[in-house]
Amino acid sequence: MNVSNSMRFFFSLSQCRVGLRSICTIDDFISCCSTSQKYLPAYQRHFSSNVLVNLGNLRDNDLATKKRIRLGRGNGSRRGNYGGRGMNGQNARGGGHMLYDGGQLGLLKFPIIRERPPYQVLYTQLGLSKLMEYIQLGLLSKEREITMKDLQDVGIVSRIKYGVLLYGHAPVHFPLHIKVTACDPETKKCIEANGGSVTRVYYEEEGLKAHLHPSLYTKKKLPFPRPAHSWHPKFDGQFDAIGEMPRCKI
C-alpha cells in the first residue's frame, strides 16, 4: 500500500501522554521520529538506521573532541587579557634560552673543550731544501754537527717551543750531521745515504729552554738544569739520545 504525503492516518505518539491520539501528516511523523533521536544514546543516534552516512556528514561522536579555547576573546573565555601567560616578564614573551637552567655554571654539564688533545706536541717544521740553501750560503757550517740552537741563531726557524721537525727531499752531496727533535723517515734515509746522520734528541721543557737560551741562566748566574734521565716508555723509538746541556762557566 502506497502512502502519499496527502494521506492522513491515526497513530499513537510514544512521546505524548498515554491515550492521546492525533491526526497528522507524514511530515509530522518524520519530524517526530527525528526529535525522538535526541533521547537516544550518542552511539545509537550516530549510527541509527535512518541516517545516511556520506562524506558530507562524517563527524566524531559527541564529546569525542574538545574545542580549543581561543586567546584574547575577553575575560569570559578564560583566556582573555593576558592569554593565560600572566603579566609581563620573560615567560609572557618568547622565553629564555633553550639551554638556560637557572644560571648555574654551565661547565657542570658540558666538559671543557681543550685546544688540542693531551700529549700532542707541535714541532717547528724545517724543510731539507731550505736547510741546504742556508748551508750553501755559508750561514751554516757543514764541517760540524748542526744543533737546534744553530738553526735558531741564523733565523732559519723561530719560536721553538717543543722542538724541530726535519722533513722533505733535497739533493745532498756531502755528509750532513744534524741534531733535531724529530725527522721524517724518508728524509733520514736521504741524509744517511750520503754518509750523514740525523740524531733525534730528547729535551725536557727546562732543558730545551737552557739549550736555546743559555744567556737566561748566565746573566742571573743560575746553574743549568740537569739533563733528562730518560724519556717515558711511550716515546720508545721516537728518540735516539738525551739532549746535552750547554757548558758555560757562571
C-alpha atoms as a PDB file:
ATOM      1  CA  MET A   1       0.000   0.000   0.000  1.00  0.00           C
ATOM      2  CA  ASN A   2       1.470   3.305  -1.107  1.00  0.00           C
ATOM      3  CA  VAL A   3       1.204   6.180   1.307  1.00  0.00           C
ATOM      4  CA  SER A   4       1.147   9.667  -0.231  1.00  0.00           C
ATOM      5  CA  ASN A   5       2.052  12.912   1.509  1.00  0.00           C
ATOM      6  CA  SER A   6      -1.620  13.956   1.472  1.00  0.00           C
ATOM      7  CA  MET A   7      -2.769  10.763   3.141  1.00  0.00           C
ATOM      8  CA  ARG A   8      -3.840  11.125   6.722  1.00  0.00           C
ATOM      9  CA  PHE A   9      -3.930   8.358   9.299  1.00  0.00           C
ATOM     10  CA  PHE A  10      -4.088   7.773  13.000  1.00  0.00           C
ATOM     11  CA  PHE A  11      -1.205   6.625  15.135  1.00  0.00           C
ATOM     12  CA  SER A  12      -0.135   6.746  18.781  1.00  0.00           C
ATOM     13  CA  LEU A  13       2.718   9.106  19.735  1.00  0.00           C
ATOM     14  CA  SER A  14       5.148   7.408  22.135  1.00  0.00           C
ATOM     15  CA  GLN A  15       6.456  10.726  23.420  1.00  0.00           C
ATOM     16  CA  CYS A  16       2.940  12.067  24.228  1.00  0.00           C
ATOM     17  CA  ARG A  17       0.735  11.134  27.178  1.00  0.00           C
ATOM     18  CA  VAL A  18      -0.949   7.710  27.075  1.00  0.00           C
ATOM     19  CA  GLY A  19      -4.264   7.534  25.285  1.00  0.00           C
ATOM     20  CA  LEU A  20      -3.772  10.715  23.287  1.00  0.00           C
ATOM     21  CA  ARG A  21      -4.471  10.186  19.636  1.00  0.00           C
ATOM     22  CA  SER A  22      -3.665  12.763  16.997  1.00  0.00           C
ATOM     23  CA  ILE A  23      -4.202  13.212  13.302  1.00  0.00           C
ATOM     24  CA  CYS A  24      -1.101  14.429  11.421  1.00  0.00           C
ATOM     25  CA  THR A  25       0.669  14.280   8.073  1.00  0.00           C
ATOM     26  CA  ILE A  26       3.656  12.127   7.058  1.00  0.00           C
ATOM     27  CA  ASP A  27       5.923  15.195   7.527  1.00  0.00           C
ATOM     28  CA  ASP A  28       4.842  15.454  11.157  1.00  0.00           C
ATOM     29  CA  PHE A  29       5.586  11.755  11.602  1.00  0.00           C
ATOM     30  CA  ILE A  30       9.137  12.091  10.216  1.00  0.00           C
ATOM     31  CA  SER A  31       9.807  15.170  12.366  1.00  0.00           C
ATOM     32  CA  CYS A  32       8.524  13.342  15.439  1.00  0.00           C
ATOM     33  CA  CYS A  33      10.858  10.425  14.746  1.00  0.00           C
ATOM     34  CA  SER A  34      13.801  12.767  14.286  1.00  0.00           C
ATOM     35  CA  THR A  35      13.077  14.563  17.584  1.00  0.00           C
ATOM     36  CA  SER A  36      12.938  11.242  19.393  1.00  0.00           C
ATOM     37  CA  GLN A  37      16.515  10.585  18.266  1.00  0.00           C
ATOM     38  CA  LYS A  38      17.882  13.114  20.768  1.00  0.00           C
ATOM     39  CA  TYR A  39      16.714  10.927  23.659  1.00  0.00           C
ATOM     40  CA  LEU A  40      18.872   8.006  22.452  1.00  0.00           C
ATOM     41  CA  PRO A  41      22.493   7.424  23.490  1.00  0.00           C
ATOM     42  CA  ALA A  42      25.134   9.111  21.359  1.00  0.00           C
ATOM     43  CA  TYR A  43      26.367   5.953  19.631  1.00  0.00           C
ATOM     44  CA  GLN A  44      22.776   4.980  18.709  1.00  0.00           C
ATOM     45  CA  ARG A  45      21.975   8.433  17.336  1.00  0.00           C
ATOM     46  CA  HIS A  46      25.123   8.479  15.219  1.00  0.00           C
ATOM     47  CA  PHE A  47      24.686   5.002  13.748  1.00  0.00           C
ATOM     48  CA  SER A  48      20.884   4.885  13.618  1.00  0.00           C
ATOM     49  CA  SER A  49      19.319   3.293  10.554  1.00  0.00           C
ATOM     50  CA  ASN A  50      17.568   6.409   9.282  1.00  0.00           C
ATOM     51  CA  VAL A  51      20.828   8.430   8.914  1.00  0.00           C
ATOM     52  CA  LEU A  52      22.530   8.269   5.534  1.00  0.00           C
ATOM     53  CA  VAL A  53      26.319   8.458   6.088  1.00  0.00           C
ATOM     54  CA  ASN A  54      28.362  10.195   3.401  1.00  0.00           C
ATOM     55  CA  LEU A  55      31.448  12.402   3.164  1.00  0.00           C
ATOM     56  CA  GLY A  56      29.373  15.468   3.918  1.00  0.00           C
ATOM     57  CA  ASN A  57      28.168  14.416   7.363  1.00  0.00           C
ATOM     58  CA  LEU A  58      31.112  12.427   8.759  1.00  0.00           C
ATOM     59  CA  ARG A  59      31.861  13.620  12.282  1.00  0.00           C
ATOM     60  CA  ASP A  60      33.160  12.484  15.620  1.00  0.00           C
ATOM     61  CA  ASN A  61      30.967  11.203  18.380  1.00  0.00           C
ATOM     62  CA  ASP A  62      29.589  13.666  20.869  1.00  0.00           C
ATOM     63  CA  LEU A  63      32.235  14.864  23.365  1.00  0.00           C
ATOM     64  CA  ALA A  64      34.918  12.923  21.481  1.00  0.00           C
ATOM     65  CA  THR A  65      36.816  16.133  20.757  1.00  0.00           C
ATOM     66  CA  LYS A  66      37.286  19.268  22.812  1.00  0.00           C
ATOM     67  CA  LYS A  67      37.026  22.695  21.270  1.00  0.00           C
ATOM     68  CA  ARG A  68      40.158  24.789  21.606  1.00  0.00           C
ATOM     69  CA  ILE A  69      39.902  27.926  23.714  1.00  0.00           C
ATOM     70  CA  ARG A  70      40.903  30.932  21.618  1.00  0.00           C
ATOM     71  CA  LEU A  71      43.126  33.550  23.202  1.00  0.00           C
ATOM     72  CA  GLY A  72      42.283  37.213  23.644  1.00  0.00           C
ATOM     73  CA  ARG A  73      38.498  36.918  23.278  1.00  0.00           C
ATOM     74  CA  GLY A  74      37.510  38.530  26.575  1.00  0.00           C
ATOM     75  CA  ASN A  75      37.739  37.536  30.211  1.00  0.00           C
ATOM     76  CA  GLY A  76      34.690  35.301  29.941  1.00  0.00           C
ATOM     77  CA  SER A  77      36.601  32.920  27.674  1.00  0.00           C
ATOM     78  CA  ARG A  78      39.114  32.114  30.491  1.00  0.00           C
ATOM     79  CA  ARG A  79      41.925  33.242  28.160  1.00  0.00           C
ATOM     80  CA  GLY A  80      41.239  36.934  27.985  1.00  0.00           C
ATOM     81  CA  ASN A  81      43.589  39.879  28.504  1.00  0.00           C
ATOM     82  CA  TYR A  82      46.860  38.013  29.106  1.00  0.00           C
ATOM     83  CA  GLY A  83      46.013  34.749  27.370  1.00  0.00           C
ATOM     84  CA  GLY A  84      46.984  32.613  30.377  1.00  0.00           C
ATOM     85  CA  ARG A  85      50.577  33.904  30.398  1.00  0.00           C
ATOM     86  CA  GLY A  86      50.352  36.346  33.288  1.00  0.00           C
ATOM     87  CA  MET A  87      51.563  39.935  33.373  1.00  0.00           C
ATOM     88  CA  ASN A  88      54.806  40.792  31.539  1.00  0.00           C
ATOM     89  CA  GLY A  89      58.063  39.007  32.294  1.00  0.00           C
ATOM     90  CA  GLN A  90      60.184  36.574  30.345  1.00  0.00           C
ATOM     91  CA  ASN A  91      57.580  33.811  30.334  1.00  0.00           C
ATOM     92  CA  ALA A  92      54.939  36.132  28.857  1.00  0.00           C
ATOM     93  CA  ARG A  93      57.144  36.676  25.818  1.00  0.00           C
ATOM     94  CA  GLY A  94      59.457  34.471  23.807  1.00  0.00           C
ATOM     95  CA  GLY A  95      61.005  32.814  26.861  1.00  0.00           C
ATOM     96  CA  GLY A  96      64.623  32.160  27.796  1.00  0.00           C
ATOM     97  CA  HIS A  97      67.397  30.278  26.057  1.00  0.00           C
ATOM     98  CA  MET A  98      66.767  26.589  25.495  1.00  0.00           C
ATOM     99  CA  LEU A  99      69.909  25.686  27.486  1.00  0.00           C
ATOM    100  CA  TYR A 100      69.227  28.128  30.327  1.00  0.00           C
ATOM    101  CA  ASP A 101      68.785  26.202  33.541  1.00  0.00           C
ATOM    102  CA  GLY A 102      68.698  28.699  36.358  1.00  0.00           C
ATOM    103  CA  GLY A 103      72.032  30.434  35.883  1.00  0.00           C
ATOM    104  CA  GLN A 104      74.403  27.925  37.452  1.00  0.00           C
ATOM    105  CA  LEU A 105      77.784  27.123  35.946  1.00  0.00           C
ATOM    106  CA  GLY A 106      77.274  25.579  32.535  1.00  0.00           C
ATOM    107  CA  LEU A 107      80.523  23.633  32.662  1.00  0.00           C
ATOM    108  CA  LEU A 108      78.941  21.321  35.213  1.00  0.00           C
ATOM    109  CA  LYS A 109      77.011  19.777  32.333  1.00  0.00           C
ATOM    110  CA  PHE A 110      79.379  20.259  29.410  1.00  0.00           C
ATOM    111  CA  PRO A 111      83.096  19.435  29.711  1.00  0.00           C
ATOM    112  CA  ILE A 112      85.829  21.860  28.761  1.00  0.00           C
ATOM    113  CA  ILE A 113      86.919  21.510  25.127  1.00  0.00           C
ATOM    114  CA  ARG A 114      90.673  21.901  25.010  1.00  0.00           C
ATOM    115  CA  GLU A 115      92.606  23.393  22.112  1.00  0.00           C
ATOM    116  CA  ARG A 116      94.466  20.165  21.380  1.00  0.00           C
ATOM    117  CA  PRO A 117      94.483  16.598  22.724  1.00  0.00           C
ATOM    118  CA  PRO A 118      96.791  15.938  25.689  1.00  0.00           C
ATOM    119  CA  TYR A 119     100.362  14.810  24.988  1.00  0.00           C
ATOM    120  CA  GLN A 120     100.231  16.156  21.426  1.00  0.00           C
ATOM    121  CA  VAL A 121     103.269  18.312  20.648  1.00  0.00           C
ATOM    122  CA  LEU A 122     103.543  20.634  17.670  1.00  0.00           C
ATOM    123  CA  TYR A 123     107.117  20.766  16.427  1.00  0.00           C
ATOM    124  CA  THR A 124     108.548  23.672  14.457  1.00  0.00           C
ATOM    125  CA  GLN A 125     108.891  22.343  10.902  1.00  0.00           C
ATOM    126  CA  LEU A 126     112.038  22.736   8.809  1.00  0.00           C
ATOM    127  CA  GLY A 127     112.351  21.653   5.181  1.00  0.00           C
ATOM    128  CA  LEU A 128     115.525  19.917   3.997  1.00  0.00           C
ATOM    129  CA  SER A 129     115.686  22.106   0.877  1.00  0.00           C
ATOM    130  CA  LYS A 130     115.684  25.268   2.998  1.00  0.00           C
ATOM    131  CA  LEU A 131     118.420  23.806   5.202  1.00  0.00           C
ATOM    132  CA  MET A 132     120.595  23.105   2.146  1.00  0.00           C
ATOM    133  CA  GLU A 133     120.145  26.703   0.931  1.00  0.00           C
ATOM    134  CA  TYR A 134     121.463  28.101   4.221  1.00  0.00           C
ATOM    135  CA  ILE A 135     124.437  25.729   4.079  1.00  0.00           C
ATOM    136  CA  GLN A 136     125.263  26.765   0.502  1.00  0.00           C
ATOM    137  CA  LEU A 137     125.058  30.439   1.513  1.00  0.00           C
ATOM    138  CA  GLY A 138     127.569  29.787   4.277  1.00  0.00           C
ATOM    139  CA  LEU A 139     125.191  30.661   7.114  1.00  0.00           C
ATOM    140  CA  LEU A 140     125.516  27.128   8.494  1.00  0.00           C
ATOM    141  CA  SER A 141     128.705  25.096   8.591  1.00  0.00           C
ATOM    142  CA  LYS A 142     128.738  21.625   7.078  1.00  0.00           C
ATOM    143  CA  GLU A 143     132.017  20.776   8.792  1.00  0.00           C
ATOM    144  CA  ARG A 144     130.454  20.273  12.225  1.00  0.00           C
ATOM    145  CA  GLU A 145     127.248  18.931  13.657  1.00  0.00           C
ATOM    146  CA  ILE A 146     124.319  21.330  13.432  1.00  0.00           C
ATOM    147  CA  THR A 147     122.145  21.771  16.538  1.00  0.00           C
ATOM    148  CA  MET A 148     118.773  23.383  17.109  1.00  0.00           C
ATOM    149  CA  LYS A 149     120.479  26.409  18.685  1.00  0.00           C
ATOM    150  CA  ASP A 150     122.452  26.924  15.469  1.00  0.00           C
ATOM    151  CA  LEU A 151     119.208  26.834  13.498  1.00  0.00           C
ATOM    152  CA  GLN A 152     117.649  29.438  15.775  1.00  0.00           C
ATOM    153  CA  ASP A 153     120.700  31.723  15.751  1.00  0.00           C
ATOM    154  CA  VAL A 154     120.757  32.015  11.941  1.00  0.00           C
ATOM    155  CA  GLY A 155     116.988  32.606  11.819  1.00  0.00           C
ATOM    156  CA  ILE A 156     116.066  29.586   9.724  1.00  0.00           C
ATOM    157  CA  VAL A 157     113.486  28.648  12.396  1.00  0.00           C
ATOM    158  CA  SER A 158     111.870  30.676  15.146  1.00  0.00           C
ATOM    159  CA  ARG A 159     109.625  30.167  18.156  1.00  0.00           C
ATOM    160  CA  ILE A 160     110.879  26.697  19.004  1.00  0.00           C
ATOM    161  CA  LYS A 161     108.559  25.526  21.771  1.00  0.00           C
ATOM    162  CA  TYR A 162     108.711  21.735  21.647  1.00  0.00           C
ATOM    163  CA  GLY A 163     111.492  21.064  19.145  1.00  0.00           C
ATOM    164  CA  VAL A 164     112.272  20.933  15.413  1.00  0.00           C
ATOM    165  CA  LEU A 165     110.882  18.506  12.843  1.00  0.00           C
ATOM    166  CA  LEU A 166     113.019  17.927   9.730  1.00  0.00           C
ATOM    167  CA  TYR A 167     111.120  16.845   6.614  1.00  0.00           C
ATOM    168  CA  GLY A 168     111.184  16.992   2.813  1.00  0.00           C
ATOM    169  CA  HIS A 169     113.524  15.935  -0.004  1.00  0.00           C
ATOM    170  CA  ALA A 170     116.538  17.718  -1.484  1.00  0.00           C
ATOM    171  CA  PRO A 171     119.803  16.649  -3.185  1.00  0.00           C
ATOM    172  CA  VAL A 172     122.529  16.151  -0.551  1.00  0.00           C
ATOM    173  CA  HIS A 173     126.070  15.759  -1.946  1.00  0.00           C
ATOM    174  CA  PHE A 174     128.087  15.789   1.290  1.00  0.00           C
ATOM    175  CA  PRO A 175     127.868  14.197   4.739  1.00  0.00           C
ATOM    176  CA  LEU A 176     125.404  16.190   6.832  1.00  0.00           C
ATOM    177  CA  HIS A 177     125.218  15.757  10.605  1.00  0.00           C
ATOM    178  CA  ILE A 178     122.327  17.376  12.439  1.00  0.00           C
ATOM    179  CA  LYS A 179     120.520  17.091  15.787  1.00  0.00           C
ATOM    180  CA  VAL A 180     116.768  17.695  15.826  1.00  0.00           C
ATOM    181  CA  THR A 181     113.809  16.512  17.876  1.00  0.00           C
ATOM    182  CA  ALA A 182     112.042  14.569  15.104  1.00  0.00           C
ATOM    183  CA  CYS A 183     112.727  13.650  11.490  1.00  0.00           C
ATOM    184  CA  ASP A 184     110.735  12.198   8.635  1.00  0.00           C
ATOM    185  CA  PRO A 185     111.861   8.616   7.820  1.00  0.00           C
ATOM    186  CA  GLU A 186     112.344   9.403   4.114  1.00  0.00           C
ATOM    187  CA  THR A 187     114.400  12.496   4.953  1.00  0.00           C
ATOM    188  CA  LYS A 188     116.556  10.497   7.332  1.00  0.00           C
ATOM    189  CA  LYS A 189     117.253   7.883   4.650  1.00  0.00           C
ATOM    190  CA  CYS A 190     118.191  10.625   2.163  1.00  0.00           C
ATOM    191  CA  ILE A 191     120.784  12.110   4.561  1.00  0.00           C
ATOM    192  CA  GLU A 192     122.223   8.771   5.672  1.00  0.00           C
ATOM    193  CA  ALA A 193     122.618   7.646   2.043  1.00  0.00           C
ATOM    194  CA  ASN A 194     125.340  10.311   1.613  1.00  0.00           C
ATOM    195  CA  GLY A 195     127.226   9.407   4.793  1.00  0.00           C
ATOM    196  CA  GLY A 196     125.414  11.840   7.095  1.00  0.00           C
ATOM    197  CA  SER A 197     123.484  11.259  10.316  1.00  0.00           C
ATOM    198  CA  VAL A 198     120.327  12.518  11.984  1.00  0.00           C
ATOM    199  CA  THR A 199     120.170  12.305  15.783  1.00  0.00           C
ATOM    200  CA  ARG A 200     116.765  12.700  17.395  1.00  0.00           C
ATOM    201  CA  VAL A 201     117.480  14.240  20.798  1.00  0.00           C
ATOM    202  CA  TYR A 202     115.116  14.384  23.770  1.00  0.00           C
ATOM    203  CA  TYR A 203     114.836  17.519  25.899  1.00  0.00           C
ATOM    204  CA  GLU A 204     112.583  18.333  28.786  1.00  0.00           C
ATOM    205  CA  GLU A 205     110.945  21.754  28.878  1.00  0.00           C
ATOM    206  CA  GLU A 206     113.599  23.387  31.068  1.00  0.00           C
ATOM    207  CA  GLY A 207     116.396  21.584  29.263  1.00  0.00           C
ATOM    208  CA  LEU A 208     115.257  22.812  25.843  1.00  0.00           C
ATOM    209  CA  LYS A 209     114.952  26.343  27.216  1.00  0.00           C
ATOM    210  CA  ALA A 210     118.523  26.212  28.548  1.00  0.00           C
ATOM    211  CA  HIS A 211     119.795  24.779  25.249  1.00  0.00           C
ATOM    212  CA  LEU A 212     118.193  27.508  23.134  1.00  0.00           C
ATOM    213  CA  HIS A 213     118.676  30.466  25.519  1.00  0.00           C
ATOM    214  CA  PRO A 214     121.701  29.859  27.780  1.00  0.00           C
ATOM    215  CA  SER A 215     122.043  33.602  28.431  1.00  0.00           C
ATOM    216  CA  LEU A 216     118.929  33.495  30.608  1.00  0.00           C
ATOM    217  CA  TYR A 217     120.938  31.440  33.110  1.00  0.00           C
ATOM    218  CA  THR A 218     124.360  33.024  32.723  1.00  0.00           C
ATOM    219  CA  LYS A 219     123.150  36.597  33.241  1.00  0.00           C
ATOM    220  CA  LYS A 220     121.463  35.690  36.505  1.00  0.00           C
ATOM    221  CA  LYS A 221     124.294  33.310  37.449  1.00  0.00           C
ATOM    222  CA  LEU A 222     121.923  30.394  37.741  1.00  0.00           C
ATOM    223  CA  PRO A 223     123.000  26.779  37.313  1.00  0.00           C
ATOM    224  CA  PHE A 224     121.834  24.961  34.202  1.00  0.00           C
ATOM    225  CA  PRO A 225     119.229  22.267  34.727  1.00  0.00           C
ATOM    226  CA  ARG A 226     120.367  18.697  34.664  1.00  0.00           C
ATOM    227  CA  PRO A 227     119.801  16.638  31.513  1.00  0.00           C
ATOM    228  CA  ALA A 228     116.785  14.370  31.456  1.00  0.00           C
ATOM    229  CA  HIS A 229     117.436  10.978  32.966  1.00  0.00           C
ATOM    230  CA  SER A 230     115.343   9.150  30.345  1.00  0.00           C
ATOM    231  CA  TRP A 231     112.171   9.549  28.358  1.00  0.00           C
ATOM    232  CA  HIS A 232     108.821   7.957  29.016  1.00  0.00           C
ATOM    233  CA  PRO A 233     108.428   4.376  27.740  1.00  0.00           C
ATOM    234  CA  LYS A 234     105.649   5.505  25.412  1.00  0.00           C
ATOM    235  CA  PHE A 235     108.282   7.518  23.495  1.00  0.00           C
ATOM    236  CA  ASP A 236     110.427   4.465  22.789  1.00  0.00           C
ATOM    237  CA  GLY A 237     111.540   4.508  19.162  1.00  0.00           C
ATOM    238  CA  GLN A 238     110.982   8.260  18.765  1.00  0.00           C
ATOM    239  CA  PHE A 239     114.348   9.445  20.155  1.00  0.00           C
ATOM    240  CA  ASP A 240     117.959   8.362  19.796  1.00  0.00           C
ATOM    241  CA  ALA A 241     119.758  10.240  22.596  1.00  0.00           C
ATOM    242  CA  ILE A 242     119.321  12.582  25.557  1.00  0.00           C
ATOM    243  CA  GLY A 243     119.998  16.226  24.734  1.00  0.00           C
ATOM    244  CA  GLU A 244     123.119  17.769  26.287  1.00  0.00           C
ATOM    245  CA  MET A 245     123.165  20.954  28.349  1.00  0.00           C
ATOM    246  CA  PRO A 246     125.417  23.898  27.341  1.00  0.00           C
ATOM    247  CA  ARG A 247     128.808  24.055  29.005  1.00  0.00           C
ATOM    248  CA  CYS A 248     129.251  27.647  30.091  1.00  0.00           C
ATOM    249  CA  LYS A 249     131.068  28.992  33.100  1.00  0.00           C
ATOM    250  CA  ILE A 250     128.973  31.008  35.515  1.00  0.00           C
END
